[in-house]
N, C-alpha and C. Protein backbone atom coordinates (compact mmCIF):
# COMPACT_ATOMS: atom_id res chain seq x y z
N MET A 1 24.65 -12.21 -10.18
CA MET A 1 23.43 -11.29 -9.46
C MET A 1 23.83 -10.79 -7.91
N MET A 2 23.59 -9.82 -7.81
CA MET A 2 24.05 -9.01 -6.59
C MET A 2 23.28 -9.78 -5.27
N THR A 3 23.98 -10.02 -3.99
CA THR A 3 22.90 -10.14 -2.61
C THR A 3 22.09 -9.30 -2.37
N ILE A 4 21.23 -9.28 -1.01
CA ILE A 4 20.46 -8.61 -0.47
C ILE A 4 21.28 -7.52 0.43
N ARG A 5 22.25 -7.66 0.77
CA ARG A 5 23.50 -6.80 1.06
C ARG A 5 23.64 -5.22 0.32
N GLU A 6 24.04 -6.39 -0.97
CA GLU A 6 24.82 -5.37 -2.27
C GLU A 6 23.61 -4.47 -3.19
N SER A 7 22.27 -5.50 -2.98
CA SER A 7 21.38 -4.71 -4.03
C SER A 7 20.70 -3.82 -2.97
N THR A 8 21.10 -3.63 -1.45
CA THR A 8 20.08 -2.45 -0.31
C THR A 8 21.47 -1.55 -0.17
N LEU A 9 22.60 -1.76 -0.49
CA LEU A 9 23.57 -0.46 -0.21
C LEU A 9 23.82 0.07 -1.49
N GLU A 10 23.48 -0.85 -2.71
CA GLU A 10 23.95 0.31 -4.19
C GLU A 10 23.11 1.92 -3.96
N PRO A 11 21.70 1.60 -3.61
CA PRO A 11 21.20 3.27 -4.27
C PRO A 11 22.04 4.10 -3.09
N ALA A 12 22.52 3.61 -1.68
CA ALA A 12 23.87 4.40 -0.80
C ALA A 12 25.20 4.71 -1.60
N ILE A 13 25.27 4.11 -2.36
CA ILE A 13 26.86 4.13 -2.84
C ILE A 13 26.46 4.96 -4.24
N ILE A 14 25.86 4.66 -4.85
CA ILE A 14 25.69 5.48 -5.79
C ILE A 14 24.84 7.24 -5.21
N ASN A 15 24.55 7.34 -4.18
CA ASN A 15 24.08 8.48 -3.70
C ASN A 15 25.40 9.48 -3.48
N ARG A 16 26.22 8.50 -3.09
CA ARG A 16 27.26 9.04 -1.84
C ARG A 16 27.69 8.94 -0.51
N ILE A 17 26.23 8.60 -0.11
CA ILE A 17 25.77 8.23 1.37
C ILE A 17 27.31 7.09 2.14
N PRO A 18 28.19 8.16 3.43
CA PRO A 18 28.85 7.12 3.59
C PRO A 18 28.74 5.97 3.87
N ARG A 19 29.51 4.96 3.87
CA ARG A 19 29.30 3.15 3.58
C ARG A 19 29.06 3.31 5.34
N ARG A 20 29.93 3.86 6.31
CA ARG A 20 29.35 3.64 7.70
C ARG A 20 27.80 3.04 7.90
N GLU A 21 27.15 5.12 7.63
CA GLU A 21 26.10 4.91 7.44
C GLU A 21 24.79 4.45 6.54
N ALA A 22 25.23 3.81 5.41
CA ALA A 22 25.12 3.35 4.62
C ALA A 22 24.38 1.81 5.14
N VAL A 23 25.39 1.60 5.32
CA VAL A 23 25.34 -0.09 6.91
C VAL A 23 24.49 0.08 7.54
N GLN A 24 24.54 1.17 8.25
CA GLN A 24 23.93 1.33 9.40
C GLN A 24 22.29 1.54 9.23
N ARG A 25 22.18 2.11 7.94
CA ARG A 25 20.81 1.91 7.67
C ARG A 25 20.19 0.63 6.88
N MET A 26 21.22 -0.08 6.15
CA MET A 26 20.37 -1.29 5.79
C MET A 26 20.25 -1.97 6.59
N GLU A 27 21.04 -2.34 7.89
CA GLU A 27 20.48 -2.91 9.28
C GLU A 27 19.56 -3.05 9.94
N VAL A 28 19.13 -1.19 9.67
CA VAL A 28 17.79 -1.50 11.08
C VAL A 28 16.81 -1.59 9.70
N LEU A 29 16.93 -1.08 8.31
CA LEU A 29 15.46 -1.74 7.52
C LEU A 29 15.99 -3.14 7.36
N LEU A 30 17.02 -3.97 6.85
CA LEU A 30 16.58 -5.23 6.66
C LEU A 30 16.32 -5.93 7.45
N ASP A 31 16.33 -5.59 9.22
CA ASP A 31 16.59 -6.31 10.37
C ASP A 31 14.83 -6.72 10.62
N ARG A 32 13.98 -5.75 9.32
CA ARG A 32 12.54 -5.51 10.06
C ARG A 32 11.74 -6.73 9.25
N VAL A 33 12.41 -7.51 8.27
CA VAL A 33 12.31 -8.79 7.51
C VAL A 33 13.37 -9.63 7.64
N HIS A 34 14.22 -9.62 8.07
CA HIS A 34 15.07 -10.99 8.61
C HIS A 34 15.66 -11.53 7.82
N PRO A 35 15.66 -11.13 6.67
CA PRO A 35 16.98 -11.89 5.76
C PRO A 35 18.35 -12.25 6.00
N ARG A 36 19.08 -13.06 5.04
CA ARG A 36 20.01 -13.23 5.19
C ARG A 36 20.79 -12.41 4.52
N PRO A 37 21.46 -11.51 5.09
CA PRO A 37 21.72 -10.76 3.74
C PRO A 37 22.73 -10.94 2.74
N GLU A 38 23.51 -12.15 3.13
CA GLU A 38 24.11 -12.60 2.27
C GLU A 38 23.99 -13.20 0.96
N ALA A 39 22.82 -13.67 1.77
CA ALA A 39 21.95 -14.59 0.16
C ALA A 39 21.54 -14.00 -0.74
N LEU A 40 21.12 -14.51 -2.09
CA LEU A 40 20.35 -14.07 -3.35
C LEU A 40 18.99 -14.06 -3.12
N PRO A 41 18.82 -13.35 -4.02
CA PRO A 41 17.05 -13.11 -3.92
C PRO A 41 16.49 -14.40 -4.74
N ASP A 42 17.20 -15.55 -4.95
CA ASP A 42 16.27 -16.46 -5.41
C ASP A 42 16.33 -17.41 -4.28
N GLU A 43 17.29 -17.34 -3.79
CA GLU A 43 16.61 -18.13 -2.26
C GLU A 43 15.79 -18.02 -1.29
N PHE A 44 14.89 -16.63 -1.49
CA PHE A 44 13.43 -16.45 -1.18
C PHE A 44 12.52 -16.82 -2.19
N SER A 45 11.03 -16.61 -1.38
CA SER A 45 10.13 -16.80 -1.90
C SER A 45 9.79 -15.38 -2.64
N GLY A 46 9.02 -15.40 -3.67
CA GLY A 46 8.48 -14.31 -4.09
C GLY A 46 8.06 -13.37 -2.87
N GLY A 47 6.95 -13.36 -1.72
CA GLY A 47 6.26 -13.16 -0.62
C GLY A 47 7.12 -12.45 -0.12
N GLN A 48 8.46 -13.00 0.49
CA GLN A 48 9.62 -13.00 1.17
C GLN A 48 10.64 -12.01 0.19
N ARG A 49 10.79 -12.07 -0.82
CA ARG A 49 11.66 -10.57 -1.94
C ARG A 49 10.76 -9.68 -1.96
N GLN A 50 9.75 -9.77 -1.86
CA GLN A 50 8.26 -8.73 -2.00
C GLN A 50 8.47 -7.70 -0.99
N ARG A 51 8.80 -8.43 0.44
CA ARG A 51 8.77 -8.22 1.98
C ARG A 51 10.26 -7.00 1.92
N ILE A 52 11.57 -7.81 1.43
CA ILE A 52 12.66 -7.40 1.70
C ILE A 52 12.65 -6.00 0.38
N ALA A 53 12.18 -6.50 -0.53
CA ALA A 53 12.31 -4.90 -1.82
C ALA A 53 11.09 -3.87 -1.48
N ILE A 54 10.52 -3.86 0.10
CA ILE A 54 9.61 -2.91 0.65
C ILE A 54 10.59 -2.35 1.58
N ALA A 55 11.18 -3.20 2.47
CA ALA A 55 12.23 -2.82 3.61
C ALA A 55 13.18 -2.23 3.01
N ARG A 56 13.65 -2.40 1.50
CA ARG A 56 14.76 -1.78 1.11
C ARG A 56 15.04 -0.10 0.79
N ALA A 57 12.78 0.23 0.09
CA ALA A 57 12.70 1.47 -0.12
C ALA A 57 13.18 2.49 0.58
N PRO A 58 12.88 2.65 1.46
CA PRO A 58 13.40 3.64 2.19
C PRO A 58 14.82 4.11 2.49
N MET A 59 15.41 3.55 2.23
CA MET A 59 17.15 3.42 2.29
C MET A 59 17.69 4.93 2.17
N LEU A 60 16.86 5.77 1.29
CA LEU A 60 17.68 6.84 1.00
C LEU A 60 16.69 7.54 1.48
N SER A 61 15.65 7.27 2.19
CA SER A 61 15.04 8.71 3.30
C SER A 61 13.74 9.34 2.42
N PRO A 62 13.34 8.88 1.47
CA PRO A 62 12.66 9.29 0.71
C PRO A 62 11.14 9.74 1.32
N LYS A 63 10.53 10.71 0.85
CA LYS A 63 9.48 11.75 1.72
C LYS A 63 7.81 10.69 1.42
N MET A 64 8.12 9.87 0.26
CA MET A 64 6.91 9.54 -0.38
C MET A 64 7.72 8.22 -1.43
N LEU A 65 6.97 6.79 -1.13
CA LEU A 65 7.11 5.57 -1.62
C LEU A 65 5.48 5.81 -2.83
N VAL A 66 6.03 5.05 -3.57
CA VAL A 66 4.46 5.05 -5.20
C VAL A 66 4.68 3.24 -4.21
N LEU A 67 3.82 2.83 -4.18
CA LEU A 67 3.83 1.53 -3.92
C LEU A 67 2.65 0.67 -5.00
N ASP A 68 2.57 0.05 -5.80
CA ASP A 68 1.75 -0.71 -6.69
C ASP A 68 1.41 -2.33 -6.82
N GLU A 69 0.24 -2.24 -5.60
CA GLU A 69 -0.24 -3.67 -5.67
C GLU A 69 0.53 -4.29 -4.28
N PRO A 70 1.29 -3.71 -3.38
CA PRO A 70 2.79 -4.43 -2.54
C PRO A 70 1.90 -5.28 -1.96
N VAL A 71 0.32 -5.72 -1.77
CA VAL A 71 0.20 -6.84 -1.12
C VAL A 71 -1.07 -7.82 -1.63
N SER A 72 -0.44 -7.75 -2.88
CA SER A 72 -0.85 -8.60 -4.08
C SER A 72 0.01 -10.31 -4.06
N SER A 73 0.80 -10.56 -3.43
CA SER A 73 0.97 -12.13 -3.06
C SER A 73 0.68 -12.88 -2.86
N PRO A 74 0.26 -14.07 -3.66
CA PRO A 74 -0.82 -15.53 -3.46
C PRO A 74 -0.47 -15.72 -2.17
N ASP A 75 1.04 -15.56 -1.56
CA ASP A 75 1.08 -16.24 -0.27
C ASP A 75 0.20 -15.21 0.92
N LEU A 76 -0.88 -16.08 1.63
CA LEU A 76 -2.01 -15.14 2.61
C LEU A 76 -0.98 -14.54 3.75
N SER A 77 0.04 -15.58 4.31
CA SER A 77 0.90 -15.01 5.21
C SER A 77 1.94 -13.74 5.26
N ILE A 78 2.49 -13.78 3.79
CA ILE A 78 3.15 -12.26 3.34
C ILE A 78 1.98 -11.56 3.47
N GLN A 79 0.17 -11.48 2.73
CA GLN A 79 -0.88 -10.71 2.72
C GLN A 79 -0.74 -9.80 3.70
N ALA A 80 -0.57 -10.29 4.88
CA ALA A 80 -0.74 -10.12 6.38
C ALA A 80 0.29 -9.37 6.94
N GLU A 81 1.88 -9.57 6.32
CA GLU A 81 2.45 -8.96 6.87
C GLU A 81 2.93 -7.93 6.56
N VAL A 82 2.85 -7.76 5.20
CA VAL A 82 3.22 -6.51 4.26
C VAL A 82 2.30 -5.15 4.97
N PRO A 83 1.31 -5.55 5.11
CA PRO A 83 0.23 -4.18 5.90
C PRO A 83 0.96 -3.79 7.30
N LYS A 84 1.89 -4.34 7.93
CA LYS A 84 2.30 -4.48 9.32
C LYS A 84 3.59 -3.65 9.10
N LEU A 85 4.38 -4.07 7.82
CA LEU A 85 5.53 -3.42 7.59
C LEU A 85 5.08 -2.26 7.40
N LEU A 86 4.66 -2.00 6.38
CA LEU A 86 3.92 -0.80 5.92
C LEU A 86 3.85 0.37 6.77
N ARG A 87 2.47 -0.18 8.24
CA ARG A 87 2.63 0.95 9.09
C ARG A 87 3.92 0.84 10.13
N GLU A 88 4.76 -0.11 10.45
CA GLU A 88 6.18 0.26 10.89
C GLU A 88 7.18 1.17 10.45
N LEU A 89 7.15 1.20 8.80
CA LEU A 89 7.99 2.13 8.51
C LEU A 89 7.89 3.40 8.35
N GLN A 90 6.57 3.28 8.16
CA GLN A 90 5.46 4.87 8.06
C GLN A 90 5.59 5.70 9.42
N ARG A 91 5.59 4.65 10.76
CA ARG A 91 5.49 5.57 12.17
C ARG A 91 7.27 5.93 12.05
N ASP A 92 7.76 4.49 12.01
CA ASP A 92 9.44 5.00 12.84
C ASP A 92 10.62 5.78 11.17
N LEU A 93 10.33 5.88 10.54
CA LEU A 93 11.08 6.73 9.06
C LEU A 93 9.64 7.76 8.55
N GLY A 94 8.82 7.59 9.04
CA GLY A 94 8.00 9.17 7.83
C GLY A 94 7.43 9.10 7.15
N PRO A 95 7.80 8.01 6.07
CA PRO A 95 7.47 8.38 4.53
C PRO A 95 5.64 8.55 4.41
N SER A 96 5.41 9.00 3.48
CA SER A 96 3.81 8.84 3.20
C SER A 96 4.19 8.18 2.37
N TYR A 97 2.57 7.64 1.49
CA TYR A 97 2.44 6.28 0.27
C TYR A 97 1.55 7.03 -0.43
N LEU A 98 1.99 6.68 -2.12
CA LEU A 98 0.99 7.03 -2.74
C LEU A 98 0.69 4.81 -3.15
N PHE A 99 -0.75 4.77 -2.92
CA PHE A 99 -0.64 2.84 -2.29
C PHE A 99 -1.71 3.08 -3.56
N ALA A 100 -1.56 2.10 -4.76
CA ALA A 100 -2.36 1.74 -5.80
C ALA A 100 -2.52 0.43 -5.32
N SER A 101 -4.31 0.05 -5.40
CA SER A 101 -4.30 -1.30 -4.77
C SER A 101 -6.11 -1.51 -5.18
N HIS A 102 -6.10 -2.65 -5.81
CA HIS A 102 -7.87 -3.22 -5.52
C HIS A 102 -8.46 -3.45 -4.79
N ASP A 103 -7.67 -3.75 -3.42
CA ASP A 103 -8.03 -4.62 -2.22
C ASP A 103 -8.27 -3.78 -1.28
N LEU A 104 -9.86 -3.39 -1.51
CA LEU A 104 -10.06 -2.37 -0.14
C LEU A 104 -9.88 -2.81 1.24
N SER A 105 -9.85 -3.98 1.57
CA SER A 105 -9.48 -4.39 3.20
C SER A 105 -7.96 -4.06 3.01
N VAL A 106 -7.62 -3.89 2.57
CA VAL A 106 -5.78 -3.79 2.49
C VAL A 106 -5.63 -1.95 2.54
N VAL A 107 -6.42 -1.68 2.19
CA VAL A 107 -7.03 -0.12 1.64
C VAL A 107 -7.44 0.70 3.08
N ALA A 108 -8.13 0.14 3.54
CA ALA A 108 -8.40 0.29 5.04
C ALA A 108 -7.69 0.33 6.10
N GLU A 109 -6.91 -0.62 6.24
CA GLU A 109 -6.03 -0.97 6.48
C GLU A 109 -4.96 0.40 6.70
N ILE A 110 -4.76 0.69 5.74
CA ILE A 110 -3.22 1.47 6.02
C ILE A 110 -4.08 2.57 5.49
N ALA A 111 -4.57 3.08 4.74
CA ALA A 111 -4.85 4.73 4.13
C ALA A 111 -5.12 5.36 5.42
N HIS A 112 -4.52 6.46 5.76
CA HIS A 112 -5.68 7.63 5.75
C HIS A 112 -6.28 8.89 4.90
N LYS A 113 -6.31 8.85 3.88
CA LYS A 113 -7.43 9.74 2.93
C LYS A 113 -6.87 8.40 1.74
N VAL A 114 -8.19 8.57 0.96
CA VAL A 114 -8.73 7.56 -0.33
C VAL A 114 -8.59 8.37 -1.41
N VAL A 115 -8.45 7.81 -2.21
CA VAL A 115 -8.91 8.31 -3.84
C VAL A 115 -9.58 7.62 -4.60
N VAL A 116 -10.83 7.34 -4.76
CA VAL A 116 -11.28 6.12 -5.64
C VAL A 116 -11.10 6.84 -7.08
N MET A 117 -10.66 5.45 -8.26
CA MET A 117 -10.47 5.70 -9.32
C MET A 117 -10.80 5.12 -10.10
N HIS A 118 -11.61 5.52 -11.30
CA HIS A 118 -12.12 4.83 -12.62
C HIS A 118 -11.44 5.91 -13.65
N ARG A 119 -11.74 6.91 -13.03
CA ARG A 119 -11.42 8.47 -13.27
C ARG A 119 -11.95 8.86 -12.07
N ILE A 120 -11.03 10.10 -11.29
CA ILE A 120 -10.78 10.31 -9.95
C ILE A 120 -12.44 10.15 -9.67
N VAL A 121 -12.84 9.58 -8.60
CA VAL A 121 -14.88 10.18 -8.45
C VAL A 121 -15.13 10.85 -7.30
N GLU A 122 -14.02 10.07 -6.41
CA GLU A 122 -14.21 10.48 -5.03
C GLU A 122 -12.63 10.54 -4.00
N ARG A 123 -12.94 11.57 -3.41
CA ARG A 123 -12.06 11.87 -2.47
C ARG A 123 -11.96 12.04 -1.09
N GLY A 124 -11.64 11.92 -0.15
CA GLY A 124 -11.64 11.76 1.04
C GLY A 124 -11.19 11.06 2.57
N ALA A 125 -11.12 11.49 3.63
CA ALA A 125 -10.46 10.79 4.63
C ALA A 125 -11.14 9.14 4.52
N MET A 126 -10.25 8.01 4.93
CA MET A 126 -10.22 6.87 4.73
C MET A 126 -11.66 6.30 5.49
N ARG A 127 -11.98 7.15 6.94
CA ARG A 127 -13.19 7.09 7.57
C ARG A 127 -14.41 8.05 6.55
N GLU A 128 -14.30 8.39 6.42
CA GLU A 128 -15.44 9.42 6.46
C GLU A 128 -15.93 8.71 4.38
N LEU A 129 -14.67 8.15 3.94
CA LEU A 129 -15.31 7.70 2.64
C LEU A 129 -16.12 6.23 2.70
N PHE A 130 -15.01 5.24 2.99
CA PHE A 130 -15.83 4.33 3.49
C PHE A 130 -17.06 4.70 4.88
N GLY A 131 -17.53 5.05 4.89
CA GLY A 131 -18.61 4.86 6.00
C GLY A 131 -19.82 5.67 5.64
N ASN A 132 -19.49 6.75 4.72
CA ASN A 132 -20.17 7.87 3.70
C ASN A 132 -19.76 7.91 2.08
N PRO A 133 -20.18 6.94 1.41
CA PRO A 133 -19.33 6.66 0.33
C PRO A 133 -20.69 7.89 -0.69
N ARG A 134 -20.03 8.79 -1.46
CA ARG A 134 -20.85 9.89 -1.82
C ARG A 134 -20.78 9.19 -3.54
N HIS A 135 -20.17 9.14 -4.19
CA HIS A 135 -20.73 8.69 -5.34
C HIS A 135 -20.71 7.41 -6.14
N PRO A 136 -22.17 7.25 -6.46
CA PRO A 136 -22.07 5.40 -6.60
C PRO A 136 -21.49 4.77 -7.28
N TYR A 137 -20.15 4.87 -8.25
CA TYR A 137 -19.20 4.12 -8.36
C TYR A 137 -18.65 3.19 -7.00
N THR A 138 -18.27 4.53 -6.04
CA THR A 138 -17.66 4.44 -5.05
C THR A 138 -18.44 3.43 -3.48
N ARG A 139 -20.02 3.56 -3.76
CA ARG A 139 -21.01 2.84 -2.99
C ARG A 139 -20.82 1.63 -3.76
N ALA A 140 -20.50 1.31 -4.67
CA ALA A 140 -20.78 0.02 -5.73
C ALA A 140 -19.18 -0.35 -5.31
N LEU A 141 -18.33 0.15 -5.37
CA LEU A 141 -16.93 -0.82 -5.14
C LEU A 141 -17.32 -0.97 -3.97
N ILE A 142 -17.53 -0.53 -2.58
CA ILE A 142 -16.95 -1.01 -1.21
C ILE A 142 -18.17 -2.04 -1.10
N SER A 143 -19.51 -2.17 -1.52
CA SER A 143 -20.22 -2.86 -1.56
C SER A 143 -19.87 -4.58 -1.86
N ALA A 144 -18.91 -4.27 -3.20
CA ALA A 144 -18.22 -5.66 -3.58
C ALA A 144 -17.04 -6.84 -2.56
N VAL A 145 -16.36 -5.64 -1.27
CA VAL A 145 -16.17 -5.92 -0.56
C VAL A 145 -16.41 -7.21 0.02
N PRO A 146 -16.01 -8.37 0.34
CA PRO A 146 -16.95 -9.75 0.58
C PRO A 146 -16.66 -9.88 2.41
N VAL A 147 -17.69 -9.54 2.94
CA VAL A 147 -17.13 -9.84 4.40
C VAL A 147 -17.18 -11.21 4.98
N PRO A 148 -16.22 -11.59 5.96
CA PRO A 148 -15.93 -12.63 6.17
C PRO A 148 -17.00 -13.51 6.91
N ASP A 149 -17.91 -13.11 7.54
CA ASP A 149 -18.90 -13.93 8.26
C ASP A 149 -20.07 -13.81 7.12
N PRO A 150 -19.95 -15.28 6.72
CA PRO A 150 -21.30 -16.03 5.76
C PRO A 150 -22.45 -15.48 6.06
N ALA A 151 -22.69 -15.47 7.68
CA ALA A 151 -24.14 -15.04 7.81
C ALA A 151 -24.23 -13.81 7.14
N ILE A 152 -23.67 -12.88 7.84
CA ILE A 152 -23.81 -11.71 7.05
C ILE A 152 -23.57 -11.28 5.85
N GLU A 153 -22.79 -11.84 5.13
CA GLU A 153 -22.76 -11.65 3.68
C GLU A 153 -23.68 -12.72 2.83
N ARG A 154 -24.22 -13.33 3.44
CA ARG A 154 -25.07 -13.96 2.72
C ARG A 154 -26.36 -12.42 2.45
N HIS A 155 -26.87 -12.19 3.61
CA HIS A 155 -27.91 -11.09 3.53
C HIS A 155 -27.23 -9.77 3.19
N ARG A 156 -25.96 -9.39 2.78
CA ARG A 156 -25.98 -8.20 2.22
C ARG A 156 -26.08 -7.82 0.87
N LYS A 157 -26.97 -6.62 0.72
CA LYS A 157 -27.42 -5.88 -0.69
C LYS A 157 -26.17 -5.23 -1.78
N ARG A 158 -26.04 -5.77 -2.41
CA ARG A 158 -24.84 -5.40 -3.15
C ARG A 158 -25.68 -3.88 -4.16
N GLN A 159 -24.76 -2.95 -4.34
CA GLN A 159 -25.03 -1.78 -4.56
C GLN A 159 -24.18 -2.22 -6.25
N VAL A 160 -24.97 -2.22 -7.09
CA VAL A 160 -24.29 -2.15 -8.37
C VAL A 160 -24.45 -0.49 -9.22
N PHE A 161 -23.20 -0.51 -10.19
CA PHE A 161 -23.06 0.83 -10.71
C PHE A 161 -23.08 0.31 -12.63
N ASN A 162 -24.68 1.09 -12.31
CA ASN A 162 -24.45 0.95 -14.12
C ASN A 162 -24.16 2.27 -15.10
N GLY A 163 -23.37 1.55 -15.56
CA GLY A 163 -22.74 2.60 -16.70
C GLY A 163 -21.59 3.42 -16.25
N THR A 164 -21.03 4.46 -16.68
CA THR A 164 -20.06 5.16 -16.51
C THR A 164 -19.58 6.19 -15.76
N ALA A 165 -18.53 6.17 -14.81
CA ALA A 165 -18.10 7.36 -13.88
C ALA A 165 -17.70 8.58 -14.78
N THR A 166 -18.37 9.71 -13.89
CA THR A 166 -18.53 10.33 -15.15
C THR A 166 -17.61 11.49 -14.45
N ASN A 167 -17.05 11.95 -14.97
CA ASN A 167 -16.03 13.48 -14.95
C ASN A 167 -16.21 14.39 -13.66
N ILE A 168 -16.98 13.73 -12.59
CA ILE A 168 -17.05 14.77 -11.23
C ILE A 168 -16.69 13.71 -10.33
N VAL A 169 -16.05 14.73 -9.35
CA VAL A 169 -14.90 14.44 -8.47
C VAL A 169 -16.23 15.01 -7.22
N MET A 170 -16.43 13.87 -6.17
CA MET A 170 -17.45 13.86 -4.91
C MET A 170 -15.61 14.28 -4.14
N ASP A 171 -15.64 15.20 -3.34
CA ASP A 171 -15.10 15.83 -2.19
C ASP A 171 -15.67 16.35 -1.20
N ALA A 172 -14.97 15.36 0.03
CA ALA A 172 -15.19 15.77 1.35
C ALA A 172 -15.06 17.00 1.94
N ASP A 173 -14.16 17.38 1.42
CA ASP A 173 -13.70 19.15 1.86
C ASP A 173 -14.89 19.98 1.18
N ARG A 174 -15.70 19.90 0.10
CA ARG A 174 -16.04 20.16 -0.64
C ARG A 174 -17.97 19.54 -0.62
N PRO A 175 -18.77 20.54 -0.08
CA PRO A 175 -20.34 20.40 -0.21
C PRO A 175 -21.05 19.51 -1.44
N ASN A 176 -20.64 20.14 -2.67
CA ASN A 176 -20.52 19.53 -3.77
C ASN A 176 -19.91 19.26 -4.64
N ALA A 177 -20.28 17.97 -5.76
CA ALA A 177 -19.35 17.66 -6.99
C ALA A 177 -18.88 19.03 -7.74
N THR A 178 -17.81 18.52 -7.74
CA THR A 178 -16.53 19.40 -8.27
C THR A 178 -16.45 19.19 -9.87
N PRO A 179 -16.97 19.59 -11.17
CA PRO A 179 -16.17 18.78 -12.06
C PRO A 179 -14.93 19.15 -11.80
N ARG A 180 -14.57 18.25 -12.84
CA ARG A 180 -12.61 18.64 -13.13
C ARG A 180 -12.46 18.31 -14.51
C-alpha cells in the first residue's frame, strides 16, 4: 500500500514533472488538509481520506475536476469542511468543477451555475435558478430541501411534481423553453 506522499506524487512522476516541483506542489496541496504524508490511507477516517483525495486532485493542474457527491460523508464535520476546501482550491488554483450532488444546500454554497437533472430540465446562474426556478421539477426539488428553522419548516408549502420531466430545457439565457 502506498503512503499519502507516494500516492500524491505518483501522477506527477508518471507525467514526468521534475521531482522538486512535484514535491513542492504536493506540500502545498496536502498542507490544506494536514495529513501525515508518511501515513497510510487506512490510518485515516473515511471523511479524512475524502478530503485528502480532493486535495490531491489538482496535482496535475487540471482545468476541470469532476466531483461526484464529494460531500456525502456521514461525518458532519467533514461535510462542513469539504465545501470550504473546494472553494479554497478553486480560488487559489482556478479549476472549474463539474459537481454532481443531490444535496442542494451544498450546491447553493459552491455553484455559480446549475444544471438540474433528471433529464436536463433547467439551467442557469445559481442565484437565478434557486431564486426563480421555472421548471416544475426544479421547483419541487428546491421545495424539498429542509429549512433548519422548525417554525419556518412547519409552515412551508411543498411543491409536488406529478409526472415525468419532459425533454424541455428551461434556460435562463433564453426566454422560452427549448426542446432538446
